[in-house]
Amino acid sequence: MNCQFRTSCRSRAAVLRLLLAIGWLPAVCDAGGPPPVITVQPQSQSVLLLGTATFSVTASSQTRMSYQWYFDGNAILGANRDSYTLLSVLGLDSGTYAVKVSNDGGSVMSSDARLSLATTSPGITKPPQDQTVAQGQNASFTVVASGSSPLAYQWNFNGSAISGSTSASLSLTNVQADQAGSYTVTVANILGTITSQAATLTVDVPAGIATQPQSQAVIQGGNVSFTVVATGTTSPDYTWYFNGSILAGTGNSPSVTLTNVQTTNAGNYFVLVQNNWGAITSSVATLTVVTVPGIITPPQSQTVQAGQNAAFNVIVSSSAPLSYVWNFDGAPLTGATNSTLMLTNVSSLLAGSYTVTTSNLAGSVTSAAATLTVVNPPPILSVNGGLGIGSAGFTLQLTVPVGRTYVILASTNLQNWTPIETNISATGSAVFTDSEATNHLIRIYRAVIW
């Protein structure tokens, strides 16, 4: 059954009660739908004597709505709109105003809005007070004001309005250093405004480090300084440490200076920075003391055969980094910049004097000279590989360096030697046959090279 009636509210209600009584209409049937809903309540206000005041309400409904305004609980004759205006307000108009909003489904009463006569300008009874908090804590300012209501508030920081801060109290959470400063509040009503004296917020910041001490190297006998730049409230205290122990004689200073630095000053330095609200330890700065290089083991003289390899080495005591330059007969060798000098396949051209110059930031030192002697390998006569007596005579092989001139000599008594072959080695090995060998009971051979 559809509940569609076109009668007045009173006749419709009577018909509904009758239908419900005789059981023709389900009890859940609603003739007028839900009552109105107020979405914007009337607001309290203060006006000047003979001024104008307007109260308004905003409501929603599925059906037509009606309004009735009330003053101190009594209906106001003719006040039947969604707003009510008073002209030339007098003191007797002060009180509470409300409105009843109705439709076919029922009615709802608004909240009370108070009308007051503004007679007193705003004043500051108790201004906000200075305060100090540690960084990360909360802070709050409160003002006690007087004057005709309503009073409006606006808090300011360093002269600029703080958005959304419009009540008698200002709360600050997790306060940071940049919130330290001057806070005021402006109180206003219809008669004027007044601004409180400033309240200062001090934020105590724990000690921090903006610039760390830096690692560095200094030449032995020189001077060096370590410095830290600290942050935080008030002047912090400084305690310097060397290799984990307090560094004596440094005082309470952000810098420490070492004079006539020696190797015993090399190590790790850091500083403890602290104030009443916290402490922090700096990063470690390493001091390297650079000493003039000293040669512990100089390169050693040596003799090698031509075609072999040679190596010179030096051992140095000093602070890194070290650089090396090897010299041959007083002239630098290109690319020879390590502690060891390698020479491969040496010849007589490389025989001579070798030194090494070692350098660092503190200076340089040159070693004593080491002499390289290059000797020729001895010639070797052999009858390997099937050589020896044959039909053509006695065949032997001579091993001799390429390019060297050699002479093969023969003798029968080790006293008299006769040259039987002179030549220049082309391949490092020469084969020679002595056709006269079979004419002698004994035949002795030797080779000479130059």
Protein backbone atom coordinates (compact mmCIF):
# COMPACT_ATOMS: atom_id res chain seq x y z
CA MET A 1 0.00 0.00 0.00
CA ASN A 2 1.48 3.37 -0.99
CA CYS A 3 1.21 6.21 1.48
CA GLN A 4 0.27 9.05 -0.87
CA PHE A 5 -2.00 11.66 0.71
CA ARG A 6 -2.79 15.13 -0.49
CA THR A 7 -4.55 16.38 2.64
CA SER A 8 -3.30 18.89 5.17
CA CYS A 9 -0.89 17.82 7.87
CA ARG A 10 -3.59 17.68 10.55
CA SER A 11 -6.16 15.77 8.44
CA ARG A 12 -3.41 13.51 7.11
CA ALA A 13 -2.23 12.68 10.62
CA ALA A 14 -5.82 11.93 11.74
CA VAL A 15 -6.40 9.64 8.77
CA LEU A 16 -3.11 7.84 9.46
CA ARG A 17 -4.03 7.28 13.11
CA LEU A 18 -7.44 5.90 12.00
CA LEU A 19 -5.91 3.56 9.40
CA LEU A 20 -3.36 2.30 11.89
CA ALA A 21 -6.10 1.69 14.48
CA ILE A 22 -8.19 -0.49 12.18
CA GLY A 23 -5.17 -2.32 10.77
CA TRP A 24 -5.38 -0.99 7.18
CA LEU A 25 -1.93 0.65 7.22
CA PRO A 26 1.36 -0.94 8.25
CA ALA A 27 2.96 0.75 11.24
CA VAL A 28 6.16 1.42 9.22
CA CYS A 29 4.38 3.77 6.82
CA ASP A 30 5.63 7.38 7.17
CA ALA A 31 3.36 10.02 5.71
CA GLY A 32 5.85 12.88 5.81
CA GLY A 33 9.32 11.33 5.47
CA PRO A 34 12.25 12.17 7.84
CA PRO A 35 12.36 15.47 9.75
CA PRO A 36 14.67 18.29 8.58
CA VAL A 37 18.40 18.23 9.18
CA ILE A 38 20.19 21.44 10.20
CA THR A 39 23.50 21.73 8.37
CA VAL A 40 24.52 25.26 9.51
CA GLN A 41 23.54 26.46 13.00
CA PRO A 42 22.82 30.10 13.87
CA GLN A 43 25.88 31.83 15.33
CA SER A 44 26.30 33.97 18.45
CA GLN A 45 27.22 37.60 17.85
CA SER A 46 27.82 40.91 19.48
CA VAL A 47 26.59 44.23 18.04
CA LEU A 48 26.79 47.86 18.91
CA LEU A 49 23.90 49.71 20.48
CA LEU A 50 21.32 50.47 17.74
CA GLY A 51 23.20 48.18 15.40
CA THR A 52 21.78 45.36 13.26
CA ALA A 53 21.93 41.64 14.04
CA THR A 54 20.97 38.78 11.74
CA PHE A 55 20.64 35.12 12.67
CA SER A 56 20.35 32.47 9.96
CA VAL A 57 20.06 28.73 9.66
CA THR A 58 20.65 26.25 6.83
CA ALA A 59 18.66 23.02 6.76
CA SER A 60 17.87 20.24 4.32
CA SER A 61 14.67 18.27 3.84
CA GLN A 62 12.89 16.07 1.30
CA THR A 63 9.72 18.16 1.70
CA ARG A 64 8.81 21.76 2.23
CA MET A 65 10.11 23.28 5.48
CA SER A 66 8.74 25.92 7.84
CA TYR A 67 10.61 28.04 10.42
CA GLN A 68 9.82 29.57 13.81
CA TRP A 69 12.37 31.69 15.65
CA TYR A 70 12.46 31.93 19.48
CA PHE A 71 13.90 34.51 21.88
CA ASP A 72 14.80 33.19 25.33
CA GLY A 73 12.43 30.26 24.68
CA ASN A 74 9.46 32.32 23.48
CA ALA A 75 8.23 32.28 19.90
CA ILE A 76 8.82 35.54 18.04
CA LEU A 77 5.71 36.68 16.23
CA GLY A 78 6.17 36.74 12.46
CA ALA A 79 9.72 35.28 12.57
CA ASN A 80 9.03 32.46 10.10
CA ARG A 81 11.95 32.54 7.65
CA ASP A 82 15.36 30.87 7.55
CA SER A 83 16.85 34.12 8.89
CA TYR A 84 15.82 36.64 11.48
CA THR A 85 17.07 40.26 11.57
CA LEU A 86 16.90 42.77 14.43
CA LEU A 87 17.22 46.45 13.62
CA SER A 88 18.36 49.12 16.12
CA VAL A 89 19.40 46.57 18.75
CA LEU A 90 18.85 47.64 22.36
CA GLY A 91 20.01 46.11 25.59
CA LEU A 92 16.69 44.31 26.09
CA ASP A 93 17.36 42.39 22.85
CA SER A 94 20.30 40.60 24.45
CA GLY A 95 19.63 36.92 25.04
CA THR A 96 19.46 33.56 23.27
CA TYR A 97 17.94 32.96 19.86
CA ALA A 98 16.98 29.63 18.31
CA VAL A 99 14.86 28.39 15.44
CA LYS A 100 12.61 25.37 15.00
CA VAL A 101 12.66 23.87 11.51
CA SER A 102 9.67 21.66 10.61
CA ASN A 103 8.34 19.55 7.75
CA ASP A 104 5.65 16.89 7.37
CA GLY A 105 7.90 14.35 9.03
CA GLY A 106 8.60 16.33 12.20
CA SER A 107 10.70 19.21 13.49
CA VAL A 108 14.17 19.91 14.86
CA MET A 109 15.39 22.71 17.15
CA SER A 110 18.63 24.55 16.39
CA SER A 111 21.29 25.22 18.97
CA ASP A 112 21.15 28.52 20.85
CA ALA A 113 22.88 31.59 19.45
CA ARG A 114 23.53 34.41 21.89
CA LEU A 115 23.12 38.08 21.07
CA SER A 116 25.04 40.49 23.28
CA LEU A 117 25.41 44.22 23.23
CA ALA A 118 29.03 45.23 22.68
CA THR A 119 29.97 47.78 25.29
CA THR A 120 33.60 46.96 26.13
CA SER A 121 36.62 46.98 23.87
CA PRO A 122 38.99 43.98 24.15
CA GLY A 123 41.69 44.06 26.81
CA ILE A 124 44.54 41.79 27.87
CA THR A 125 44.07 40.56 31.44
CA LYS A 126 47.00 38.11 31.41
CA PRO A 127 49.44 38.19 28.48
CA PRO A 128 51.34 35.12 27.24
CA GLN A 129 54.51 34.38 29.19
CA ASP A 130 58.12 33.76 28.14
CA GLN A 131 59.21 30.14 28.25
CA THR A 132 62.13 27.85 27.49
CA VAL A 133 61.89 24.29 26.17
CA ALA A 134 64.34 21.72 24.90
CA GLN A 135 64.31 20.92 21.21
CA GLY A 136 61.70 18.24 20.47
CA GLN A 137 59.49 19.12 23.44
CA ASN A 138 56.11 20.88 23.31
CA ALA A 139 55.35 24.51 24.15
CA SER A 140 52.12 26.46 24.67
CA PHE A 141 51.12 30.10 25.12
CA THR A 142 47.84 31.29 26.64
CA VAL A 143 46.20 34.71 26.87
CA VAL A 144 43.40 35.81 29.19
CA ALA A 145 41.40 38.60 27.53
CA SER A 146 38.42 40.78 28.53
CA GLY A 147 35.81 42.63 26.50
CA SER A 148 32.44 42.12 24.96
CA SER A 149 31.91 38.75 23.38
CA PRO A 150 32.53 37.27 20.99
CA LEU A 151 36.30 37.74 21.08
CA ALA A 152 38.45 36.73 18.13
CA TYR A 153 42.11 35.65 18.49
CA GLN A 154 45.03 35.60 16.08
CA TRP A 155 48.49 34.40 17.14
CA ASN A 156 51.61 35.81 15.48
CA PHE A 157 55.23 34.64 15.23
CA ASN A 158 57.88 37.30 14.74
CA GLY A 159 55.15 39.66 13.52
CA SER A 160 53.50 37.29 11.01
CA ALA A 161 50.14 35.59 11.53
CA ILE A 162 50.24 31.85 12.26
CA SER A 163 47.70 30.12 10.04
CA GLY A 164 44.86 28.42 11.95
CA SER A 165 45.94 29.74 15.36
CA THR A 166 42.70 31.52 16.36
CA SER A 167 41.95 30.47 19.93
CA ALA A 168 42.98 31.77 23.35
CA SER A 169 45.81 29.21 23.49
CA LEU A 170 48.62 28.35 21.06
CA SER A 171 50.13 24.84 21.19
CA LEU A 172 53.44 23.95 19.52
CA THR A 173 54.52 20.30 19.30
CA ASN A 174 57.99 18.87 18.68
CA VAL A 175 59.50 22.34 18.82
CA GLN A 176 62.59 22.97 16.65
CA ALA A 177 65.25 25.65 16.75
CA ASP A 178 63.65 27.68 13.94
CA GLN A 179 60.54 28.18 16.10
CA ALA A 180 62.43 30.17 18.71
CA GLY A 181 61.40 33.83 18.66
CA SER A 182 58.69 36.33 19.55
CA TYR A 183 55.01 35.37 19.93
CA THR A 184 52.08 37.78 20.27
CA VAL A 185 48.31 37.45 20.09
CA THR A 186 45.80 39.95 18.71
CA VAL A 187 42.39 39.98 20.40
CA ALA A 188 39.46 41.62 18.62
CA ASN A 189 35.73 42.25 18.96
CA ILE A 190 33.35 44.59 17.23
CA LEU A 191 34.69 47.55 19.19
CA GLY A 192 38.37 47.16 18.32
CA THR A 193 41.57 45.13 18.60
CA ILE A 194 44.49 44.87 20.98
CA THR A 195 47.81 43.05 20.64
CA SER A 196 49.56 41.49 23.62
CA GLN A 197 53.11 42.17 24.61
CA ALA A 198 55.58 39.70 23.09
CA ALA A 199 56.39 36.41 24.76
CA THR A 200 59.78 34.93 23.88
CA LEU A 201 60.21 31.23 23.17
CA THR A 202 63.72 29.96 23.78
CA VAL A 203 64.55 26.56 22.31
CA ASP A 204 67.48 24.82 23.94
CA VAL A 205 69.24 22.79 21.24
CA PRO A 206 71.55 19.86 22.12
CA ALA A 207 75.14 20.11 20.99
CA GLY A 208 75.73 19.18 17.35
CA ILE A 209 78.56 19.31 14.83
CA ALA A 210 78.31 21.34 11.63
CA THR A 211 81.91 20.82 10.43
CA GLN A 212 83.99 17.78 11.38
CA PRO A 213 87.77 17.83 12.04
CA GLN A 214 89.66 16.69 8.93
CA SER A 215 92.47 14.15 8.51
CA GLN A 216 95.76 15.64 7.36
CA ALA A 217 99.49 15.07 6.91
CA VAL A 218 102.27 17.29 8.24
CA ILE A 219 106.04 17.25 7.77
CA GLN A 220 107.97 16.27 10.88
CA GLY A 221 108.80 19.41 12.85
CA GLY A 222 105.89 21.39 11.42
CA ASN A 223 102.65 22.59 13.01
CA VAL A 224 99.10 21.32 12.53
CA SER A 225 95.60 22.24 13.78
CA PHE A 226 92.32 20.35 14.09
CA THR A 227 89.07 22.33 14.26
CA VAL A 228 85.40 21.51 14.82
CA VAL A 229 82.40 23.79 14.21
CA ALA A 230 79.65 23.05 16.74
CA THR A 231 75.96 23.93 16.92
CA GLY A 232 73.57 24.12 19.86
CA THR A 233 72.37 26.48 22.54
CA THR A 234 75.01 28.52 24.39
CA SER A 235 78.74 27.88 24.09
CA PRO A 236 79.39 24.12 24.32
CA ASP A 237 82.32 22.48 26.09
CA TYR A 238 85.06 20.72 24.10
CA THR A 239 87.24 17.77 25.13
CA TRP A 240 89.86 16.58 22.63
CA TYR A 241 91.12 12.98 22.50
CA PHE A 242 94.24 11.41 21.03
CA ASN A 243 94.19 7.66 20.35
CA GLY A 244 91.28 7.27 22.78
CA SER A 245 92.77 9.24 25.69
CA ILE A 246 92.12 12.85 26.70
CA LEU A 247 94.63 15.13 25.01
CA ALA A 248 96.27 17.13 27.79
CA GLY A 249 96.84 20.85 27.51
CA THR A 250 94.23 21.53 24.83
CA GLY A 251 91.79 23.49 27.02
CA ASN A 252 88.10 24.03 26.32
CA SER A 253 88.41 25.09 22.70
CA PRO A 254 86.95 24.15 19.30
CA SER A 255 90.52 23.96 17.93
CA VAL A 256 93.68 22.15 18.94
CA THR A 257 97.13 23.08 17.59
CA LEU A 258 100.22 20.86 17.70
CA THR A 259 103.64 22.46 17.22
CA ASN A 260 106.98 20.85 16.26
CA VAL A 261 105.11 17.67 15.35
CA GLN A 262 106.99 14.39 15.77
CA THR A 263 106.19 10.81 14.81
CA THR A 264 104.81 10.25 18.33
CA ASN A 265 102.00 12.70 17.46
CA ALA A 266 100.79 10.54 14.57
CA GLY A 267 97.42 8.88 15.24
CA ASN A 268 93.70 9.47 15.63
CA TYR A 269 92.10 12.65 16.97
CA PHE A 270 88.45 13.41 17.84
CA VAL A 271 86.53 15.82 20.09
CA LEU A 272 83.57 15.46 22.47
CA VAL A 273 81.19 18.43 22.19
CA GLN A 274 78.57 18.86 24.92
CA ASN A 275 76.14 21.35 26.49
CA ASN A 276 73.40 21.04 29.12
CA TRP A 277 71.06 19.32 26.67
CA GLY A 278 73.24 16.73 25.00
CA ALA A 279 76.66 15.57 23.83
CA ILE A 280 78.10 14.37 20.53
CA THR A 281 81.42 12.89 19.44
CA SER A 282 83.06 14.04 16.22
CA SER A 283 84.33 11.76 13.51
CA VAL A 284 87.97 10.62 13.78
CA ALA A 285 90.66 12.69 12.06
CA THR A 286 93.96 10.93 11.34
CA LEU A 287 97.28 12.76 11.60
CA THR A 288 100.10 11.42 9.43
CA VAL A 289 103.62 12.71 10.24
CA VAL A 290 105.78 12.67 7.14
CA THR A 291 109.52 12.08 7.75
CA VAL A 292 112.43 12.49 5.35
CA PRO A 293 113.08 9.14 3.62
CA GLY A 294 115.89 7.01 5.01
CA ILE A 295 117.51 4.16 3.10
CA ILE A 296 117.66 0.96 5.15
CA THR A 297 119.02 -1.34 2.44
CA PRO A 298 120.64 0.26 -0.64
CA PRO A 299 120.83 -1.45 -4.03
CA GLN A 300 123.74 -3.96 -4.24
CA SER A 301 126.44 -4.25 -6.90
CA GLN A 302 126.28 -7.40 -9.00
CA THR A 303 127.82 -9.22 -11.96
CA VAL A 304 125.77 -11.00 -14.60
CA GLN A 305 126.50 -12.65 -17.88
CA ALA A 306 125.38 -10.98 -21.06
CA GLY A 307 121.86 -12.05 -21.98
CA GLN A 308 120.80 -12.71 -18.39
CA ASN A 309 118.54 -10.53 -16.19
CA ALA A 310 119.55 -8.22 -13.38
CA ALA A 311 117.53 -6.64 -10.53
CA PHE A 312 118.30 -3.83 -8.10
CA ASN A 313 116.15 -3.23 -4.99
CA VAL A 314 116.01 -0.58 -2.27
CA ILE A 315 114.32 -0.67 1.16
CA VAL A 316 113.35 2.74 2.58
CA SER A 317 112.05 3.83 5.98
CA SER A 318 109.68 6.79 5.72
CA SER A 319 106.08 7.91 5.54
CA ALA A 320 104.07 7.08 2.48
CA PRO A 321 103.46 8.03 -0.19
CA LEU A 322 106.95 7.52 -1.56
CA SER A 323 108.19 8.06 -5.10
CA TYR A 324 111.22 6.44 -6.73
CA VAL A 325 113.48 7.47 -9.64
CA TRP A 326 116.28 5.14 -10.77
CA ASN A 327 119.38 6.60 -12.39
CA PHE A 328 121.97 5.03 -14.72
CA ASP A 329 125.36 6.70 -14.73
CA GLY A 330 123.66 9.81 -13.24
CA ALA A 331 120.79 10.06 -15.75
CA PRO A 332 117.15 9.14 -14.88
CA LEU A 333 115.81 5.95 -16.42
CA THR A 334 112.45 6.47 -18.11
CA GLY A 335 109.63 4.54 -16.41
CA ALA A 336 111.85 3.23 -13.59
CA THR A 337 109.70 4.47 -10.67
CA ASN A 338 109.35 1.47 -8.34
CA SER A 339 111.39 0.25 -5.40
CA THR A 340 112.78 -2.51 -7.65
CA LEU A 341 114.55 -2.00 -10.99
CA MET A 342 114.37 -4.95 -13.40
CA LEU A 343 116.81 -5.25 -16.33
CA THR A 344 116.26 -8.05 -18.85
CA ASN A 345 118.63 -9.57 -21.41
CA VAL A 346 121.46 -7.30 -20.34
CA SER A 347 124.37 -6.42 -22.54
CA SER A 348 127.60 -4.54 -22.00
CA LEU A 349 125.66 -1.36 -22.85
CA LEU A 350 123.87 -1.62 -19.48
CA ALA A 351 127.03 -2.07 -17.45
CA GLY A 352 127.63 0.91 -15.15
CA SER A 353 126.52 2.75 -12.03
CA TYR A 354 122.96 2.63 -10.69
CA THR A 355 121.40 4.80 -7.95
CA VAL A 356 117.82 5.47 -6.78
CA THR A 357 116.33 8.71 -5.47
CA THR A 358 113.42 8.30 -3.03
CA SER A 359 111.13 11.26 -2.23
CA ASN A 360 108.06 12.23 -0.17
CA LEU A 361 106.57 15.48 1.16
CA ALA A 362 109.41 15.93 3.61
CA GLY A 363 112.31 15.59 1.18
CA SER A 364 114.40 13.10 -0.79
CA VAL A 365 117.46 10.90 -0.47
CA THR A 366 119.69 9.24 -3.08
CA SER A 367 121.24 5.85 -2.47
CA ALA A 368 124.86 4.90 -2.82
CA ALA A 369 125.77 3.65 -6.27
CA ALA A 370 125.52 -0.02 -7.16
CA THR A 371 127.67 -1.27 -10.06
CA LEU A 372 126.40 -3.62 -12.71
CA THR A 373 129.17 -5.67 -14.36
CA VAL A 374 128.27 -7.54 -17.52
CA VAL A 375 130.63 -10.39 -18.49
CA ASN A 376 130.69 -12.54 -21.56
CA PRO A 377 129.69 -16.16 -21.08
CA PRO A 378 132.60 -18.63 -21.63
CA PRO A 379 132.63 -20.42 -24.99
CA ILE A 380 131.68 -24.09 -24.78
CA LEU A 381 133.20 -26.74 -27.01
CA SER A 382 131.27 -30.01 -27.24
CA VAL A 383 130.85 -33.15 -29.31
CA ASN A 384 127.20 -33.69 -28.54
CA GLY A 385 124.62 -34.97 -31.02
CA GLY A 386 126.76 -37.59 -32.77
CA LEU A 387 129.76 -35.31 -33.37
CA GLY A 388 133.37 -36.53 -33.03
CA ILE A 389 135.68 -38.65 -35.19
CA GLY A 390 134.42 -39.27 -38.68
CA SER A 391 135.69 -39.92 -42.15
CA ALA A 392 136.15 -36.20 -42.71
CA GLY A 393 138.03 -35.63 -39.47
CA PHE A 394 137.08 -34.56 -35.91
CA THR A 395 133.83 -32.50 -35.73
CA LEU A 396 132.99 -30.35 -32.69
CA GLN A 397 130.44 -27.64 -31.75
CA LEU A 398 131.17 -24.22 -30.29
CA THR A 399 128.55 -22.24 -28.29
CA VAL A 400 129.35 -18.52 -28.42
CA PRO A 401 127.24 -15.33 -28.18
CA VAL A 402 125.90 -13.94 -31.43
CA GLY A 403 128.14 -11.32 -33.00
CA ARG A 404 131.23 -12.30 -31.05
CA THR A 405 134.48 -13.13 -32.86
CA TYR A 406 135.90 -16.51 -31.95
CA VAL A 407 139.11 -18.43 -32.68
CA ILE A 408 139.49 -22.20 -32.36
CA LEU A 409 142.99 -23.34 -31.58
CA ALA A 410 144.52 -26.87 -31.62
CA SER A 411 147.52 -28.34 -29.83
CA THR A 412 149.17 -31.72 -29.30
CA ASN A 413 151.16 -30.81 -26.20
CA LEU A 414 149.19 -28.00 -24.44
CA GLN A 415 152.18 -25.77 -25.13
CA ASN A 416 151.99 -24.87 -28.74
CA TRP A 417 148.60 -23.72 -30.04
CA THR A 418 147.73 -23.32 -33.69
CA PRO A 419 144.65 -21.29 -34.84
CA ILE A 420 142.63 -23.46 -37.15
CA GLU A 421 139.35 -21.44 -37.37
CA THR A 422 138.49 -17.72 -36.99
CA ASN A 423 134.95 -16.46 -37.48
CA ILE A 424 132.06 -14.33 -36.16
CA SER A 425 129.15 -16.06 -34.47
CA ALA A 426 125.95 -15.58 -36.44
CA THR A 427 123.57 -17.89 -34.60
CA GLY A 428 125.17 -18.55 -31.22
CA SER A 429 126.38 -21.96 -32.25
CA ALA A 430 129.11 -22.98 -34.74
CA VAL A 431 130.07 -26.50 -36.00
CA PHE A 432 133.69 -27.06 -37.10
CA THR A 433 135.46 -30.12 -38.53
CA ASP A 434 139.24 -30.50 -38.10
CA SER A 435 140.35 -32.55 -41.13
CA GLU A 436 143.91 -32.79 -39.72
CA ALA A 437 142.80 -34.51 -36.53
CA THR A 438 143.39 -38.03 -37.91
CA ASN A 439 147.03 -37.19 -38.61
CA HIS A 440 147.80 -36.93 -34.89
CA LEU A 441 147.79 -39.40 -32.07
CA ILE A 442 146.41 -36.69 -29.75
CA ARG A 443 144.69 -33.41 -30.56
CA ILE A 444 143.59 -30.80 -27.97
CA TYR A 445 141.22 -27.91 -28.76
CA ARG A 446 140.31 -24.61 -27.15
CA ALA A 447 138.33 -21.47 -28.14
CA VAL A 448 138.94 -17.80 -27.50
CA ILE A 449 136.31 -15.09 -28.01
CA TRP A 450 136.40 -11.32 -27.97
